[in-house]
């Protein structure tokens, strides 16, 4: 190969390098930009991948109070990745991955890398500050102990009650207990979602058709205010009525028991 061809080849290589090398350098420079994940200072924009969840969060007045400077009590706050971290990177029993300003200053995730699935009661249990660095407001006052002792549900790791808020007369104890038993979401989160979010709820109710008892005057009863001739005995229930209630995302709903059922209401009795 003569010297003229070598010169032309060198010129061609320089020309190609002039065009390609800046783009290559730019590409790799952009690829090596790292977000900090330092404790509560989560800089990873979670909304890049979870845009649907972020949109829902941004439209809410709740769970939007965390920012780069910590807790902000103003309501509503501004949804950002710090709010994501407050729920999904706050469990004190989990070691998450941390990167503090440099790739040489890091902590690998142990029980979890970037985030973990969270039960509502992690932040809403009694004494939540012992379980998470982002404690919320106490939402307990339920008594699940009888269900645990009967072996119906496993013990919950969260504190639903204490001596003051014992939940003895809570109307939804069984609802909470059965949500704990269900494995769709962690712990009783299903019950929390059903009542406190816009998720539609469909319930099929099975209740008794009638209440029956006997009334007679053969054995008068003497009470402090006099003699009563009526005695009531043999209490029982009869038959089963089924009703389906459906609540949509806005809170409006209907039931098959009172309206919308084909034919007479008696059709739903069995």
C-alpha atoms as a PDB file:
ATOM      1  CA  UNK A   1       0.000   0.000   0.000  1.00  0.00           C
ATOM      2  CA  UNK A   2       1.583   3.298  -1.083  1.00  0.00           C
ATOM      3  CA  UNK A   3       1.818   6.362   1.079  1.00  0.00           C
ATOM      4  CA  UNK A   4      -1.050   8.137  -0.722  1.00  0.00           C
ATOM      5  CA  UNK A   5      -3.528   5.425   0.218  1.00  0.00           C
ATOM      6  CA  UNK A   6      -2.336   5.488   3.835  1.00  0.00           C
ATOM      7  CA  UNK A   7      -2.895   9.220   3.997  1.00  0.00           C
ATOM      8  CA  UNK A   8      -6.435   8.863   2.578  1.00  0.00           C
ATOM      9  CA  UNK A   9      -7.223   6.057   5.080  1.00  0.00           C
ATOM     10  CA  UNK A  10      -5.969   8.172   7.962  1.00  0.00           C
ATOM     11  CA  UNK A  11      -8.093  11.114   6.849  1.00  0.00           C
ATOM     12  CA  UNK A  12     -11.172   8.837   6.640  1.00  0.00           C
ATOM     13  CA  UNK A  13     -10.601   7.461  10.147  1.00  0.00           C
ATOM     14  CA  UNK A  14     -10.187  10.943  11.575  1.00  0.00           C
ATOM     15  CA  UNK A  15     -13.405  12.075   9.867  1.00  0.00           C
ATOM     16  CA  UNK A  16     -15.377   9.111  11.197  1.00  0.00           C
ATOM     17  CA  UNK A  17     -13.960   9.599  14.663  1.00  0.00           C
ATOM     18  CA  UNK A  18     -14.877  13.274  14.613  1.00  0.00           C
ATOM     19  CA  UNK A  19     -18.532  12.389  14.013  1.00  0.00           C
ATOM     20  CA  UNK A  20     -18.905   9.231  16.122  1.00  0.00           C
ATOM     21  CA  UNK A  21     -16.747   9.814  19.198  1.00  0.00           C
ATOM     22  CA  UNK A  22     -18.666  12.816  20.634  1.00  0.00           C
ATOM     23  CA  UNK A  23     -21.911  10.868  20.372  1.00  0.00           C
ATOM     24  CA  UNK A  24     -20.356   7.841  22.048  1.00  0.00           C
ATOM     25  CA  UNK A  25     -18.916   9.954  24.856  1.00  0.00           C
ATOM     26  CA  UNK A  26     -22.237  11.690  25.320  1.00  0.00           C
ATOM     27  CA  UNK A  27     -24.097   8.376  25.457  1.00  0.00           C
ATOM     28  CA  UNK A  28     -21.884   6.877  28.132  1.00  0.00           C
ATOM     29  CA  UNK A  29     -21.745  10.101  30.118  1.00  0.00           C
ATOM     30  CA  UNK A  30     -25.534  10.076  30.287  1.00  0.00           C
ATOM     31  CA  UNK A  31     -25.655   6.407  31.238  1.00  0.00           C
ATOM     32  CA  UNK A  32     -23.420   6.961  34.242  1.00  0.00           C
ATOM     33  CA  UNK A  33     -25.581   9.467  36.049  1.00  0.00           C
ATOM     34  CA  UNK A  34     -26.599   8.007  39.410  1.00  0.00           C
ATOM     35  CA  UNK A  35     -29.410   8.963  41.772  1.00  0.00           C
ATOM     36  CA  UNK A  36     -28.781   9.073  45.481  1.00  0.00           C
ATOM     37  CA  UNK A  37     -30.829   6.714  47.655  1.00  0.00           C
ATOM     38  CA  UNK A  38     -29.793   7.878  51.094  1.00  0.00           C
ATOM     39  CA  UNK A  39     -32.252   6.857  53.770  1.00  0.00           C
ATOM     40  CA  UNK A  40     -35.265   9.163  53.605  1.00  0.00           C
ATOM     41  CA  UNK A  41     -33.665  11.190  50.790  1.00  0.00           C
ATOM     42  CA  UNK A  42     -34.839   8.996  47.936  1.00  0.00           C
ATOM     43  CA  UNK A  43     -33.964  10.762  44.675  1.00  0.00           C
ATOM     44  CA  UNK A  44     -35.039   7.934  42.376  1.00  0.00           C
ATOM     45  CA  UNK A  45     -38.069   9.210  40.391  1.00  0.00           C
ATOM     46  CA  UNK A  46     -40.384   6.276  41.081  1.00  0.00           C
ATOM     47  CA  UNK A  47     -42.965   7.863  38.768  1.00  0.00           C
ATOM     48  CA  UNK A  48     -40.809   6.922  35.747  1.00  0.00           C
ATOM     49  CA  UNK A  49     -42.135   3.377  35.983  1.00  0.00           C
ATOM     50  CA  UNK A  50     -45.134   3.769  38.288  1.00  0.00           C
ATOM     51  CA  UNK A  51     -46.904   6.644  36.529  1.00  0.00           C
ATOM     52  CA  UNK A  52     -50.359   5.184  37.202  1.00  0.00           C
ATOM     53  CA  UNK A  53     -49.790   4.964  40.946  1.00  0.00           C
ATOM     54  CA  UNK A  54     -48.149   8.382  40.995  1.00  0.00           C
ATOM     55  CA  UNK A  55     -51.133   9.960  39.231  1.00  0.00           C
ATOM     56  CA  UNK A  56     -53.479   8.468  41.811  1.00  0.00           C
ATOM     57  CA  UNK A  57     -51.243   9.705  44.621  1.00  0.00           C
ATOM     58  CA  UNK A  58     -51.070  13.202  43.131  1.00  0.00           C
ATOM     59  CA  UNK A  59     -54.884  13.419  43.133  1.00  0.00           C
ATOM     60  CA  UNK A  60     -55.117  12.405  46.772  1.00  0.00           C
ATOM     61  CA  UNK A  61     -55.095  14.530  49.922  1.00  0.00           C
ATOM     62  CA  UNK A  62     -53.337  11.753  51.824  1.00  0.00           C
ATOM     63  CA  UNK A  63     -49.833  10.278  51.884  1.00  0.00           C
ATOM     64  CA  UNK A  64     -48.326  13.295  50.119  1.00  0.00           C
ATOM     65  CA  UNK A  65     -46.631  14.995  53.061  1.00  0.00           C
ATOM     66  CA  UNK A  66     -43.030  13.840  52.665  1.00  0.00           C
ATOM     67  CA  UNK A  67     -40.415  15.918  50.866  1.00  0.00           C
ATOM     68  CA  UNK A  68     -36.628  16.237  50.625  1.00  0.00           C
ATOM     69  CA  UNK A  69     -36.632  18.107  53.938  1.00  0.00           C
ATOM     70  CA  UNK A  70     -38.768  15.576  55.786  1.00  0.00           C
ATOM     71  CA  UNK A  71     -42.342  15.817  57.016  1.00  0.00           C
ATOM     72  CA  UNK A  72     -44.628  18.637  55.892  1.00  0.00           C
ATOM     73  CA  UNK A  73     -47.925  18.842  57.763  1.00  0.00           C
ATOM     74  CA  UNK A  74     -49.666  21.067  55.198  1.00  0.00           C
ATOM     75  CA  UNK A  75     -52.498  19.327  53.394  1.00  0.00           C
ATOM     76  CA  UNK A  76     -52.566  18.386  50.678  1.00  0.00           C
ATOM     77  CA  UNK A  77     -48.869  18.083  50.010  1.00  0.00           C
ATOM     78  CA  UNK A  78     -47.125  17.589  46.680  1.00  0.00           C
ATOM     79  CA  UNK A  79     -46.740  13.998  45.528  1.00  0.00           C
ATOM     80  CA  UNK A  80     -43.161  12.990  44.790  1.00  0.00           C
ATOM     81  CA  UNK A  81     -40.741  10.098  45.193  1.00  0.00           C
ATOM     82  CA  UNK A  82     -40.215  10.973  48.862  1.00  0.00           C
ATOM     83  CA  UNK A  83     -43.794   9.959  49.555  1.00  0.00           C
ATOM     84  CA  UNK A  84     -43.122   6.643  47.816  1.00  0.00           C
ATOM     85  CA  UNK A  85     -40.155   6.032  50.085  1.00  0.00           C
ATOM     86  CA  UNK A  86     -42.171   6.889  53.192  1.00  0.00           C
ATOM     87  CA  UNK A  87     -44.355   3.828  52.587  1.00  0.00           C
ATOM     88  CA  UNK A  88     -42.215   1.422  50.616  1.00  0.00           C
ATOM     89  CA  UNK A  89     -38.739   2.021  52.086  1.00  0.00           C
ATOM     90  CA  UNK A  90     -39.582   2.764  55.711  1.00  0.00           C
ATOM     91  CA  UNK A  91     -39.877  -0.663  57.339  1.00  0.00           C
ATOM     92  CA  UNK A  92     -37.234  -0.685  60.093  1.00  0.00           C
ATOM     93  CA  UNK A  93     -37.018  -4.489  60.012  1.00  0.00           C
ATOM     94  CA  UNK A  94     -35.818  -4.402  56.375  1.00  0.00           C
ATOM     95  CA  UNK A  95     -32.375  -3.380  55.136  1.00  0.00           C
ATOM     96  CA  UNK A  96     -32.849  -1.548  51.828  1.00  0.00           C
ATOM     97  CA  UNK A  97     -30.106  -0.648  49.373  1.00  0.00           C
ATOM     98  CA  UNK A  98     -28.557   2.785  50.007  1.00  0.00           C
ATOM     99  CA  UNK A  99     -26.300   4.954  47.852  1.00  0.00           C
ATOM    100  CA  UNK A 100     -24.978   8.082  49.530  1.00  0.00           C
ATOM    101  CA  UNK A 101     -23.603  10.408  46.869  1.00  0.00           C
ATOM    102  CA  UNK A 102     -21.028   7.998  45.480  1.00  0.00           C
ATOM    103  CA  UNK A 103     -20.955   4.493  44.058  1.00  0.00           C
ATOM    104  CA  UNK A 104     -18.228   3.735  46.570  1.00  0.00           C
ATOM    105  CA  UNK A 105     -20.465   4.718  49.504  1.00  0.00           C
ATOM    106  CA  UNK A 106     -23.288   2.208  49.412  1.00  0.00           C
ATOM    107  CA  UNK A 107     -25.188  -0.427  51.349  1.00  0.00           C
ATOM    108  CA  UNK A 108     -26.570  -3.418  49.456  1.00  0.00           C
ATOM    109  CA  UNK A 109     -30.161  -4.390  50.052  1.00  0.00           C
ATOM    110  CA  UNK A 110     -30.512  -7.377  52.331  1.00  0.00           C
ATOM    111  CA  UNK A 111     -34.195  -8.250  52.851  1.00  0.00           C
ATOM    112  CA  UNK A 112     -35.156  -5.941  49.953  1.00  0.00           C
ATOM    113  CA  UNK A 113     -33.411  -3.913  47.258  1.00  0.00           C
ATOM    114  CA  UNK A 114     -35.354  -0.818  46.183  1.00  0.00           C
ATOM    115  CA  UNK A 115     -38.711  -1.222  47.900  1.00  0.00           C
ATOM    116  CA  UNK A 116     -41.020  -3.614  49.733  1.00  0.00           C
ATOM    117  CA  UNK A 117     -44.737  -4.321  49.701  1.00  0.00           C
ATOM    118  CA  UNK A 118     -46.284  -2.557  52.675  1.00  0.00           C
ATOM    119  CA  UNK A 119     -49.245  -3.372  54.898  1.00  0.00           C
ATOM    120  CA  UNK A 120     -51.368  -0.381  55.842  1.00  0.00           C
ATOM    121  CA  UNK A 121     -50.996  -1.267  59.512  1.00  0.00           C
ATOM    122  CA  UNK A 122     -47.218  -0.861  59.384  1.00  0.00           C
ATOM    123  CA  UNK A 123     -47.730   2.888  59.709  1.00  0.00           C
ATOM    124  CA  UNK A 124     -51.229   2.849  61.217  1.00  0.00           C
ATOM    125  CA  UNK A 125     -50.675   0.522  64.156  1.00  0.00           C
ATOM    126  CA  UNK A 126     -50.288   1.476  67.782  1.00  0.00           C
ATOM    127  CA  UNK A 127     -46.673   2.589  68.470  1.00  0.00           C
ATOM    128  CA  UNK A 128     -45.854   2.641  64.748  1.00  0.00           C
ATOM    129  CA  UNK A 129     -42.681   4.641  65.385  1.00  0.00           C
ATOM    130  CA  UNK A 130     -41.041   1.423  66.591  1.00  0.00           C
ATOM    131  CA  UNK A 131     -41.652  -0.238  63.210  1.00  0.00           C
ATOM    132  CA  UNK A 132     -41.139   2.573  60.684  1.00  0.00           C
ATOM    133  CA  UNK A 133     -39.367   5.904  60.381  1.00  0.00           C
ATOM    134  CA  UNK A 134     -42.521   7.332  58.737  1.00  0.00           C
ATOM    135  CA  UNK A 135     -45.296   6.648  61.291  1.00  0.00           C
ATOM    136  CA  UNK A 136     -48.812   7.638  60.354  1.00  0.00           C
ATOM    137  CA  UNK A 137     -51.921   8.133  62.467  1.00  0.00           C
ATOM    138  CA  UNK A 138     -53.148   5.293  64.648  1.00  0.00           C
ATOM    139  CA  UNK A 139     -56.095   3.531  62.976  1.00  0.00           C
ATOM    140  CA  UNK A 140     -56.504   0.532  65.238  1.00  0.00           C
ATOM    141  CA  UNK A 141     -59.052  -0.126  67.926  1.00  0.00           C
ATOM    142  CA  UNK A 142     -59.873  -3.622  66.652  1.00  0.00           C
ATOM    143  CA  UNK A 143     -59.933  -6.815  68.676  1.00  0.00           C
ATOM    144  CA  UNK A 144     -58.587  -9.748  66.640  1.00  0.00           C
ATOM    145  CA  UNK A 145     -57.401 -11.740  69.666  1.00  0.00           C
ATOM    146  CA  UNK A 146     -60.422 -14.141  69.783  1.00  0.00           C
ATOM    147  CA  UNK A 147     -59.836 -15.077  66.138  1.00  0.00           C
ATOM    148  CA  UNK A 148     -56.156 -15.743  66.811  1.00  0.00           C
ATOM    149  CA  UNK A 149     -56.859 -17.836  69.922  1.00  0.00           C
ATOM    150  CA  UNK A 150     -59.452 -19.883  68.013  1.00  0.00           C
ATOM    151  CA  UNK A 151     -56.888 -20.622  65.305  1.00  0.00           C
ATOM    152  CA  UNK A 152     -59.010 -18.915  62.646  1.00  0.00           C
ATOM    153  CA  UNK A 153     -56.271 -16.467  61.658  1.00  0.00           C
ATOM    154  CA  UNK A 154     -52.524 -16.360  62.235  1.00  0.00           C
ATOM    155  CA  UNK A 155     -51.121 -13.824  64.696  1.00  0.00           C
ATOM    156  CA  UNK A 156     -50.570 -10.399  63.174  1.00  0.00           C
ATOM    157  CA  UNK A 157     -47.222  -8.638  63.579  1.00  0.00           C
ATOM    158  CA  UNK A 158     -49.060  -5.319  64.013  1.00  0.00           C
ATOM    159  CA  UNK A 159     -50.611  -3.788  67.128  1.00  0.00           C
ATOM    160  CA  UNK A 160     -54.346  -3.327  66.546  1.00  0.00           C
ATOM    161  CA  UNK A 161     -55.219  -2.467  70.128  1.00  0.00           C
ATOM    162  CA  UNK A 162     -53.973  -1.863  73.628  1.00  0.00           C
ATOM    163  CA  UNK A 163     -55.537  -1.559  77.079  1.00  0.00           C
ATOM    164  CA  UNK A 164     -57.117   1.794  76.229  1.00  0.00           C
ATOM    165  CA  UNK A 165     -58.206   1.069  72.647  1.00  0.00           C
ATOM    166  CA  UNK A 166     -59.202  -2.556  73.084  1.00  0.00           C
ATOM    167  CA  UNK A 167     -61.665  -2.750  70.190  1.00  0.00           C
ATOM    168  CA  UNK A 168     -63.976  -4.960  72.191  1.00  0.00           C
ATOM    169  CA  UNK A 169     -67.114  -3.571  70.563  1.00  0.00           C
ATOM    170  CA  UNK A 170     -65.749  -2.747  67.106  1.00  0.00           C
ATOM    171  CA  UNK A 171     -68.309  -3.667  64.445  1.00  0.00           C
ATOM    172  CA  UNK A 172     -65.702  -4.753  61.925  1.00  0.00           C
ATOM    173  CA  UNK A 173     -63.505  -7.102  63.958  1.00  0.00           C
ATOM    174  CA  UNK A 174     -64.477 -10.113  61.808  1.00  0.00           C
ATOM    175  CA  UNK A 175     -63.918  -8.091  58.628  1.00  0.00           C
ATOM    176  CA  UNK A 176     -60.391  -7.227  59.748  1.00  0.00           C
ATOM    177  CA  UNK A 177     -59.707 -10.809  60.846  1.00  0.00           C
ATOM    178  CA  UNK A 178     -60.801 -12.341  57.539  1.00  0.00           C
ATOM    179  CA  UNK A 179     -58.725  -9.779  55.636  1.00  0.00           C
ATOM    180  CA  UNK A 180     -55.689 -10.911  57.635  1.00  0.00           C
ATOM    181  CA  UNK A 181     -56.489 -14.497  56.684  1.00  0.00           C
ATOM    182  CA  UNK A 182     -56.719 -13.585  52.991  1.00  0.00           C
ATOM    183  CA  UNK A 183     -53.379 -13.382  51.166  1.00  0.00           C
ATOM    184  CA  UNK A 184     -54.316 -10.981  48.365  1.00  0.00           C
ATOM    185  CA  UNK A 185     -52.605  -8.101  50.201  1.00  0.00           C
ATOM    186  CA  UNK A 186     -50.408  -8.095  53.303  1.00  0.00           C
ATOM    187  CA  UNK A 187     -52.194  -8.426  56.645  1.00  0.00           C
ATOM    188  CA  UNK A 188     -55.591  -6.627  56.710  1.00  0.00           C
ATOM    189  CA  UNK A 189     -54.883  -4.278  53.796  1.00  0.00           C
ATOM    190  CA  UNK A 190     -57.861  -5.683  51.840  1.00  0.00           C
ATOM    191  CA  UNK A 191     -60.232  -4.282  54.492  1.00  0.00           C
ATOM    192  CA  UNK A 192     -58.458  -0.908  54.468  1.00  0.00           C
ATOM    193  CA  UNK A 193     -58.691  -0.677  50.666  1.00  0.00           C
ATOM    194  CA  UNK A 194     -62.368  -1.701  50.652  1.00  0.00           C
ATOM    195  CA  UNK A 195     -63.439   1.104  52.973  1.00  0.00           C
ATOM    196  CA  UNK A 196     -60.899   3.859  52.471  1.00  0.00           C
ATOM    197  CA  UNK A 197     -60.210   3.945  48.717  1.00  0.00           C
ATOM    198  CA  UNK A 198     -62.232   4.370  45.530  1.00  0.00           C
ATOM    199  CA  UNK A 199     -61.949   0.678  44.664  1.00  0.00           C
ATOM    200  CA  UNK A 200     -65.387  -0.749  43.864  1.00  0.00           C
ATOM    201  CA  UNK A 201     -66.791  -3.235  46.384  1.00  0.00           C
ATOM    202  CA  UNK A 202     -69.236  -6.069  45.772  1.00  0.00           C
ATOM    203  CA  UNK A 203     -70.700  -7.921  48.762  1.00  0.00           C
ATOM    204  CA  UNK A 204     -72.972 -10.961  48.702  1.00  0.00           C
ATOM    205  CA  UNK A 205     -74.944 -11.027  51.945  1.00  0.00           C
ATOM    206  CA  UNK A 206     -76.464 -14.231  53.339  1.00  0.00           C
ATOM    207  CA  UNK A 207     -78.794 -13.493  56.226  1.00  0.00           C
ATOM    208  CA  UNK A 208     -81.870 -15.049  57.808  1.00  0.00           C
ATOM    209  CA  UNK A 209     -85.270 -14.499  56.277  1.00  0.00           C
ATOM    210  CA  UNK A 210     -87.241 -14.257  59.487  1.00  0.00           C
ATOM    211  CA  UNK A 211     -86.972 -14.189  63.256  1.00  0.00           C
ATOM    212  CA  UNK A 212     -89.469 -16.461  65.018  1.00  0.00           C
ATOM    213  CA  UNK A 213     -90.488 -17.020  68.628  1.00  0.00           C
ATOM    214  CA  UNK A 214     -93.428 -18.251  70.700  1.00  0.00           C
ATOM    215  CA  UNK A 215     -95.555 -15.961  72.885  1.00  0.00           C
ATOM    216  CA  UNK A 216     -97.932 -17.405  75.506  1.00  0.00           C
ATOM    217  CA  UNK A 217     -99.769 -16.446  78.690  1.00  0.00           C
ATOM    218  CA  UNK A 218     -99.735 -19.772  80.463  1.00  0.00           C
ATOM    219  CA  UNK A 219     -96.874 -18.923  82.783  1.00  0.00           C
ATOM    220  CA  UNK A 220     -97.125 -15.358  84.085  1.00  0.00           C
ATOM    221  CA  UNK A 221     -93.854 -13.728  85.077  1.00  0.00           C
ATOM    222  CA  UNK A 222     -93.677 -11.450  88.111  1.00  0.00           C
ATOM    223  CA  UNK A 223     -91.266  -8.552  87.703  1.00  0.00           C
ATOM    224  CA  UNK A 224     -90.511  -5.554  89.885  1.00  0.00           C
ATOM    225  CA  UNK A 225     -93.145  -3.496  88.125  1.00  0.00           C
ATOM    226  CA  UNK A 226     -95.894  -6.125  88.340  1.00  0.00           C
ATOM    227  CA  UNK A 227     -97.157  -9.350  86.855  1.00  0.00           C
ATOM    228  CA  UNK A 228     -96.733  -9.932  83.141  1.00  0.00           C
ATOM    229  CA  UNK A 229     -98.838 -12.578  81.463  1.00  0.00           C
ATOM    230  CA  UNK A 230     -96.782 -12.811  78.297  1.00  0.00           C
ATOM    231  CA  UNK A 231     -93.790 -15.136  78.104  1.00  0.00           C
ATOM    232  CA  UNK A 232     -91.612 -15.426  75.020  1.00  0.00           C
ATOM    233  CA  UNK A 233     -89.698 -18.584  74.204  1.00  0.00           C
ATOM    234  CA  UNK A 234     -88.328 -20.806  71.474  1.00  0.00           C
ATOM    235  CA  UNK A 235     -86.382 -18.133  69.610  1.00  0.00           C
ATOM    236  CA  UNK A 236     -85.198 -19.216  66.159  1.00  0.00           C
ATOM    237  CA  UNK A 237     -84.495 -17.993  62.653  1.00  0.00           C
ATOM    238  CA  UNK A 238     -85.938 -19.393  59.466  1.00  0.00           C
ATOM    239  CA  UNK A 239     -84.759 -19.519  55.859  1.00  0.00           C
ATOM    240  CA  UNK A 240     -81.994 -17.598  54.141  1.00  0.00           C
ATOM    241  CA  UNK A 241     -82.172 -14.336  52.210  1.00  0.00           C
ATOM    242  CA  UNK A 242     -79.413 -13.407  49.777  1.00  0.00           C
ATOM    243  CA  UNK A 243     -78.690  -9.830  48.774  1.00  0.00           C
ATOM    244  CA  UNK A 244     -75.963  -8.475  46.532  1.00  0.00           C
ATOM    245  CA  UNK A 245     -74.765  -4.939  47.159  1.00  0.00           C
ATOM    246  CA  UNK A 246     -72.494  -3.198  44.687  1.00  0.00           C
ATOM    247  CA  UNK A 247     -70.700   0.052  45.336  1.00  0.00           C
ATOM    248  CA  UNK A 248     -68.873   1.721  42.476  1.00  0.00           C
ATOM    249  CA  UNK A 249     -65.741   3.863  42.607  1.00  0.00           C
ATOM    250  CA  UNK A 250     -67.621   7.087  43.368  1.00  0.00           C
ATOM    251  CA  UNK A 251     -69.462   5.646  46.368  1.00  0.00           C
ATOM    252  CA  UNK A 252     -72.825   5.276  44.638  1.00  0.00           C
ATOM    253  CA  UNK A 253     -74.267   1.785  44.495  1.00  0.00           C
ATOM    254  CA  UNK A 254     -77.259  -0.494  44.441  1.00  0.00           C
ATOM    255  CA  UNK A 255     -78.543  -3.676  45.992  1.00  0.00           C
ATOM    256  CA  UNK A 256     -80.408  -6.608  44.503  1.00  0.00           C
ATOM    257  CA  UNK A 257     -82.467  -6.973  47.677  1.00  0.00           C
ATOM    258  CA  UNK A 258     -84.551  -3.793  47.504  1.00  0.00           C
ATOM    259  CA  UNK A 259     -84.487  -2.835  43.861  1.00  0.00           C
ATOM    260  CA  UNK A 260     -83.392  -4.042  40.483  1.00  0.00           C
ATOM    261  CA  UNK A 261     -84.158  -7.687  41.212  1.00  0.00           C
ATOM    262  CA  UNK A 262     -86.237  -9.461  38.534  1.00  0.00           C
ATOM    263  CA  UNK A 263     -89.705 -10.216  39.820  1.00  0.00           C
ATOM    264  CA  UNK A 264     -90.821 -10.000  43.404  1.00  0.00           C
ATOM    265  CA  UNK A 265     -88.446  -9.639  46.338  1.00  0.00           C
ATOM    266  CA  UNK A 266     -89.535 -13.089  47.471  1.00  0.00           C
ATOM    267  CA  UNK A 267     -87.532 -14.527  44.559  1.00  0.00           C
ATOM    268  CA  UNK A 268     -84.350 -14.086  46.519  1.00  0.00           C
ATOM    269  CA  UNK A 269     -85.516 -16.240  49.411  1.00  0.00           C
ATOM    270  CA  UNK A 270     -84.541 -19.860  49.612  1.00  0.00           C
END
